[in-house]
């Protein structure tokens, strides 16, 4: 399993919105060990785009990270499935006996 090193001066915040400005704007480094052929491939691609290796790698990694996160939150449907989904939302099934019984119960916080 890869190990992550965090400098003592760095703080880790789960929520960037609550992080102090100096942490949100701080820059760090990432050290990678890669095969020379992979490094050359990255250098060649960066050169074609007129970018440095760092610019190319950061932009590529950022784009991939966004895609991965969106894949976990964004769902796309073809038109037929979208219509079925909207139909199900607009016309939910009638409540069953168990749901009706649950809704008749007095909540624990009101007892």
Protein backbone atom coordinates (compact mmCIF):
# COMPACT_ATOMS: atom_id res chain seq x y z
CA UNK A 1 0.00 0.00 0.00
CA UNK A 2 1.41 3.44 -0.92
CA UNK A 3 2.35 5.69 1.95
CA UNK A 4 1.52 9.37 2.02
CA UNK A 5 3.88 11.77 3.72
CA UNK A 6 2.52 14.93 5.24
CA UNK A 7 4.89 17.62 6.37
CA UNK A 8 4.33 18.75 9.97
CA UNK A 9 3.53 22.25 8.72
CA UNK A 10 0.71 20.98 6.49
CA UNK A 11 -2.75 20.59 7.90
CA UNK A 12 -5.38 18.34 6.41
CA UNK A 13 -8.93 19.70 6.26
CA UNK A 14 -11.93 17.64 5.20
CA UNK A 15 -13.83 20.72 4.09
CA UNK A 16 -11.95 23.21 1.94
CA UNK A 17 -14.62 25.85 2.59
CA UNK A 18 -13.70 25.93 6.30
CA UNK A 19 -9.94 25.74 5.72
CA UNK A 20 -7.90 28.87 6.35
CA UNK A 21 -6.94 30.74 3.18
CA UNK A 22 -3.26 29.93 3.59
CA UNK A 23 -4.04 26.19 3.56
CA UNK A 24 -6.34 26.43 0.55
CA UNK A 25 -3.70 28.36 -1.41
CA UNK A 26 -0.70 26.37 -0.19
CA UNK A 27 1.24 24.37 -2.75
CA UNK A 28 2.78 21.01 -2.12
CA UNK A 29 4.69 18.49 -4.12
CA UNK A 30 4.01 14.98 -5.31
CA UNK A 31 6.96 12.74 -6.06
CA UNK A 32 6.42 9.89 -8.49
CA UNK A 33 8.60 7.01 -9.57
CA UNK A 34 7.78 6.08 -13.15
CA UNK A 35 9.43 4.13 -15.92
CA UNK A 36 11.58 6.20 -18.25
CA UNK A 37 9.39 5.27 -21.24
CA UNK A 38 6.32 6.61 -19.44
CA UNK A 39 8.17 9.79 -18.50
CA UNK A 40 9.23 10.27 -22.13
CA UNK A 41 5.65 9.73 -23.30
CA UNK A 42 4.42 12.38 -20.86
CA UNK A 43 7.20 14.77 -21.90
CA UNK A 44 6.37 14.28 -25.59
CA UNK A 45 2.65 14.89 -25.02
CA UNK A 46 3.37 17.97 -22.90
CA UNK A 47 5.67 19.35 -25.58
CA UNK A 48 3.00 18.91 -28.25
CA UNK A 49 0.68 21.04 -26.14
CA UNK A 50 3.38 23.58 -25.26
CA UNK A 51 3.19 22.73 -21.57
CA UNK A 52 5.68 21.71 -18.96
CA UNK A 53 5.62 18.18 -17.59
CA UNK A 54 4.17 19.50 -14.33
CA UNK A 55 1.42 21.49 -16.06
CA UNK A 56 0.51 18.51 -18.21
CA UNK A 57 0.45 16.05 -15.31
CA UNK A 58 -1.51 18.32 -12.98
CA UNK A 59 -4.11 19.15 -15.64
CA UNK A 60 -4.43 15.49 -16.65
CA UNK A 61 -4.72 14.27 -13.06
CA UNK A 62 -7.22 17.00 -12.19
CA UNK A 63 -9.38 16.18 -15.22
CA UNK A 64 -9.32 12.47 -14.36
CA UNK A 65 -10.16 13.19 -10.71
CA UNK A 66 -13.18 15.28 -11.73
CA UNK A 67 -14.34 12.50 -14.08
CA UNK A 68 -14.03 9.87 -11.37
CA UNK A 69 -15.99 11.97 -8.88
CA UNK A 70 -18.67 12.87 -11.41
CA UNK A 71 -19.06 9.19 -12.28
CA UNK A 72 -20.06 8.67 -8.66
CA UNK A 73 -22.60 11.52 -8.64
CA UNK A 74 -23.86 12.09 -12.15
CA UNK A 75 -26.09 9.58 -13.86
CA UNK A 76 -26.95 9.77 -17.52
CA UNK A 77 -29.86 7.97 -19.12
CA UNK A 78 -30.92 7.43 -22.68
CA UNK A 79 -34.23 9.17 -23.57
CA UNK A 80 -36.35 6.03 -23.04
CA UNK A 81 -34.95 5.31 -19.56
CA UNK A 82 -35.14 9.00 -18.65
CA UNK A 83 -38.85 9.04 -19.51
CA UNK A 84 -39.41 5.90 -17.40
CA UNK A 85 -37.50 7.48 -14.51
CA UNK A 86 -39.55 10.69 -14.66
CA UNK A 87 -42.74 8.63 -14.92
CA UNK A 88 -41.78 6.72 -11.76
CA UNK A 89 -41.07 9.98 -9.91
CA UNK A 90 -44.32 11.57 -11.04
CA UNK A 91 -46.43 8.48 -10.28
CA UNK A 92 -45.08 6.75 -7.19
CA UNK A 93 -46.75 3.52 -6.10
CA UNK A 94 -49.50 3.75 -3.50
CA UNK A 95 -48.26 3.36 0.07
CA UNK A 96 -48.32 -0.25 1.25
CA UNK A 97 -49.66 -1.49 4.57
CA UNK A 98 -46.23 -1.40 6.24
CA UNK A 99 -45.64 2.22 5.27
CA UNK A 100 -49.11 3.20 6.48
CA UNK A 101 -48.48 1.47 9.82
CA UNK A 102 -45.13 3.20 10.18
CA UNK A 103 -46.69 6.61 9.54
CA UNK A 104 -49.35 5.98 12.20
CA UNK A 105 -46.74 5.27 14.88
CA UNK A 106 -45.80 7.95 17.37
CA UNK A 107 -42.16 8.93 16.83
CA UNK A 108 -39.75 7.97 19.66
CA UNK A 109 -38.91 11.62 20.31
CA UNK A 110 -42.59 12.42 21.00
CA UNK A 111 -43.11 9.62 23.57
